[in-house]
């Protein structure tokens, strides 16, 4: 097993890569749809959710913000704190799509979709990237995903922040 403190392989995506992920997801989502609502998990799910909502013409957009304790003694089994979550009345009777950028451990997507399912019976998870090697849920995976990876993904909207020492400041202008 790899040392969790060692740097993981990183993959820096372009907007063209993101377009390809959307192109992979759209046929899957259209065949399972239509969806009446989307819950975007902040912060990672905002851009993917916006792109997918536009392409699928989903107008009922909601957000959920989840925090897990950072204390080491809490470990991976810590209960989440919902910092923001739509009221049940906003979800009742709707087929909901819960969107995030990555399913790593799976804790965030699972916590959100289970709470959404408490308000409406039909809720599905969707991510751009699924990392089955980090997932804590051996018998669960996202309902829809664009790609499988074992890398730390850096999306184009993140590159100006110099994520994890990559040192990228802004996209090059040609």
Protein backbone atom coordinates (compact mmCIF):
# COMPACT_ATOMS: atom_id res chain seq x y z
CA UNK A 1 0.00 0.00 0.00
CA UNK A 2 1.33 3.45 -0.91
CA UNK A 3 2.34 5.87 1.81
CA UNK A 4 -0.50 8.43 2.02
CA UNK A 5 2.03 11.19 2.75
CA UNK A 6 3.88 10.61 -0.52
CA UNK A 7 2.76 12.78 -3.44
CA UNK A 8 0.29 11.10 -5.74
CA UNK A 9 0.47 11.16 -9.48
CA UNK A 10 -1.14 14.36 -10.72
CA UNK A 11 -3.04 14.90 -13.92
CA UNK A 12 -3.66 18.46 -15.11
CA UNK A 13 -6.68 18.69 -17.41
CA UNK A 14 -7.47 21.18 -20.14
CA UNK A 15 -10.89 22.54 -21.05
CA UNK A 16 -10.78 20.17 -24.04
CA UNK A 17 -10.39 17.25 -21.59
CA UNK A 18 -13.40 18.54 -19.66
CA UNK A 19 -15.45 18.74 -22.88
CA UNK A 20 -14.60 15.08 -23.55
CA UNK A 21 -15.78 14.10 -20.05
CA UNK A 22 -19.06 15.93 -20.64
CA UNK A 23 -19.39 14.12 -24.00
CA UNK A 24 -18.91 10.77 -22.25
CA UNK A 25 -21.47 11.58 -19.56
CA UNK A 26 -24.26 13.09 -21.66
CA UNK A 27 -25.41 9.89 -23.42
CA UNK A 28 -25.44 8.04 -20.08
CA UNK A 29 -27.43 10.79 -18.38
CA UNK A 30 -29.85 11.29 -21.28
CA UNK A 31 -30.63 7.58 -21.40
CA UNK A 32 -31.36 7.54 -17.65
CA UNK A 33 -33.11 10.94 -17.54
CA UNK A 34 -34.80 13.24 -17.51
CA UNK A 35 -33.76 14.75 -14.19
CA UNK A 36 -35.95 17.35 -12.50
CA UNK A 37 -33.30 18.72 -10.13
CA UNK A 38 -29.57 18.86 -9.64
CA UNK A 39 -27.72 19.11 -6.34
CA UNK A 40 -24.17 20.36 -6.89
CA UNK A 41 -21.71 19.59 -4.12
CA UNK A 42 -19.64 22.64 -3.30
CA UNK A 43 -17.02 23.52 -4.31
CA UNK A 44 -15.91 20.77 -6.68
CA UNK A 45 -19.30 20.07 -8.22
CA UNK A 46 -20.20 23.64 -9.17
CA UNK A 47 -18.45 23.79 -12.57
CA UNK A 48 -19.25 20.18 -13.62
CA UNK A 49 -22.83 20.67 -12.46
CA UNK A 50 -23.19 23.92 -14.37
CA UNK A 51 -21.89 22.36 -17.58
CA UNK A 52 -24.16 19.33 -17.24
CA UNK A 53 -27.22 21.37 -16.21
CA UNK A 54 -26.85 23.54 -19.29
CA UNK A 55 -26.45 20.54 -21.62
CA UNK A 56 -29.35 18.64 -20.03
CA UNK A 57 -31.58 21.72 -19.61
CA UNK A 58 -31.97 21.16 -15.85
CA UNK A 59 -33.28 24.38 -14.36
CA UNK A 60 -33.87 23.40 -10.73
CA UNK A 61 -30.31 23.77 -9.37
CA UNK A 62 -29.41 23.41 -5.70
CA UNK A 63 -26.18 23.21 -3.71
CA UNK A 64 -24.96 21.17 -0.76
CA UNK A 65 -21.89 21.96 1.31
CA UNK A 66 -20.40 19.19 3.43
CA UNK A 67 -17.52 19.23 5.88
CA UNK A 68 -15.75 16.30 7.47
CA UNK A 69 -13.74 16.80 10.69
CA UNK A 70 -10.05 17.33 9.95
CA UNK A 71 -8.98 15.78 13.24
CA UNK A 72 -6.84 12.69 12.75
CA UNK A 73 -8.53 10.82 15.58
CA UNK A 74 -11.85 11.15 13.73
CA UNK A 75 -10.38 9.24 10.81
CA UNK A 76 -12.23 8.36 7.64
CA UNK A 77 -15.30 7.17 9.53
CA UNK A 78 -16.19 10.65 10.87
CA UNK A 79 -19.75 11.89 10.47
CA UNK A 80 -20.17 14.83 8.11
CA UNK A 81 -21.46 18.26 9.01
CA UNK A 82 -23.84 19.71 6.44
CA UNK A 83 -22.96 23.39 6.20
CA UNK A 84 -25.63 24.02 3.58
CA UNK A 85 -28.35 21.73 2.28
CA UNK A 86 -31.59 22.32 0.34
CA UNK A 87 -34.82 21.89 2.23
CA UNK A 88 -36.72 18.65 1.64
CA UNK A 89 -39.59 20.59 0.04
CA UNK A 90 -37.23 21.61 -2.78
CA UNK A 91 -36.51 17.96 -3.60
CA UNK A 92 -39.83 16.20 -2.99
CA UNK A 93 -41.17 14.40 -6.06
CA UNK A 94 -38.14 15.22 -8.21
CA UNK A 95 -35.60 12.91 -9.91
CA UNK A 96 -32.38 14.39 -8.60
CA UNK A 97 -28.84 14.22 -9.92
CA UNK A 98 -26.11 14.80 -7.32
CA UNK A 99 -22.94 16.12 -9.01
CA UNK A 100 -19.35 16.42 -7.80
CA UNK A 101 -16.01 16.55 -9.57
CA UNK A 102 -14.35 13.44 -8.07
CA UNK A 103 -15.41 10.35 -6.14
CA UNK A 104 -12.27 9.68 -4.10
CA UNK A 105 -13.16 8.13 -0.76
CA UNK A 106 -16.84 8.44 -1.74
CA UNK A 107 -17.81 9.90 1.64
CA UNK A 108 -19.07 13.24 0.35
CA UNK A 109 -21.17 11.96 -2.57
CA UNK A 110 -22.59 9.15 -0.44
CA UNK A 111 -23.52 11.46 2.43
CA UNK A 112 -25.24 13.92 0.10
CA UNK A 113 -27.12 11.39 -2.04
CA UNK A 114 -28.43 9.56 1.04
CA UNK A 115 -29.76 12.79 2.46
CA UNK A 116 -31.31 13.68 -0.92
CA UNK A 117 -32.93 10.22 -1.02
CA UNK A 118 -34.56 10.96 2.34
CA UNK A 119 -36.49 13.71 0.55
CA UNK A 120 -37.07 12.02 -2.82
CA UNK A 121 -36.84 8.37 -3.78
CA UNK A 122 -34.96 8.94 -7.00
CA UNK A 123 -31.48 10.36 -6.62
CA UNK A 124 -28.35 9.48 -8.57
CA UNK A 125 -24.67 10.35 -8.26
CA UNK A 126 -22.54 11.73 -11.07
CA UNK A 127 -18.85 12.66 -11.08
CA UNK A 128 -16.28 13.51 -13.70
CA UNK A 129 -13.72 11.11 -12.15
CA UNK A 130 -14.12 7.92 -10.13
CA UNK A 131 -11.13 6.64 -8.14
CA UNK A 132 -12.03 3.06 -7.14
CA UNK A 133 -8.60 2.62 -5.56
CA UNK A 134 -9.39 5.20 -2.85
CA UNK A 135 -13.11 4.51 -2.41
CA UNK A 136 -14.20 3.39 1.05
CA UNK A 137 -17.27 1.75 -0.48
CA UNK A 138 -16.32 -1.53 -2.12
CA UNK A 139 -19.89 -2.29 -3.16
CA UNK A 140 -20.86 1.22 -4.24
CA UNK A 141 -19.71 3.53 -6.96
CA UNK A 142 -21.14 6.61 -8.65
CA UNK A 143 -24.14 5.95 -10.85
CA UNK A 144 -22.48 7.94 -13.64
CA UNK A 145 -18.84 8.86 -14.17
CA UNK A 146 -16.77 10.19 -17.04
CA UNK A 147 -13.50 8.37 -16.32
CA UNK A 148 -11.72 6.09 -13.86
CA UNK A 149 -8.46 7.35 -12.41
CA UNK A 150 -5.85 6.75 -9.74
CA UNK A 151 -4.40 10.27 -10.08
CA UNK A 152 -4.94 13.51 -8.25
CA UNK A 153 -6.92 15.50 -10.84
CA UNK A 154 -6.37 19.21 -11.35
CA UNK A 155 -9.16 20.79 -13.37
CA UNK A 156 -8.59 23.84 -15.60
CA UNK A 157 -10.55 26.10 -13.23
CA UNK A 158 -8.08 25.16 -10.45
CA UNK A 159 -4.74 25.73 -12.16
CA UNK A 160 -4.34 29.39 -11.22
CA UNK A 161 -4.27 28.41 -7.55
CA UNK A 162 -1.03 26.44 -7.82
CA UNK A 163 -2.71 23.32 -6.43
CA UNK A 164 -0.34 21.12 -4.41
CA UNK A 165 2.77 22.90 -5.59
CA UNK A 166 2.16 22.41 -9.30
CA UNK A 167 3.08 26.05 -9.67
CA UNK A 168 0.67 26.90 -12.46
CA UNK A 169 -0.42 30.50 -12.20
CA UNK A 170 -2.63 31.09 -15.20
CA UNK A 171 -3.40 29.51 -18.53
CA UNK A 172 -1.00 30.41 -21.31
CA UNK A 173 -2.46 32.75 -23.85
CA UNK A 174 -1.68 31.84 -27.46
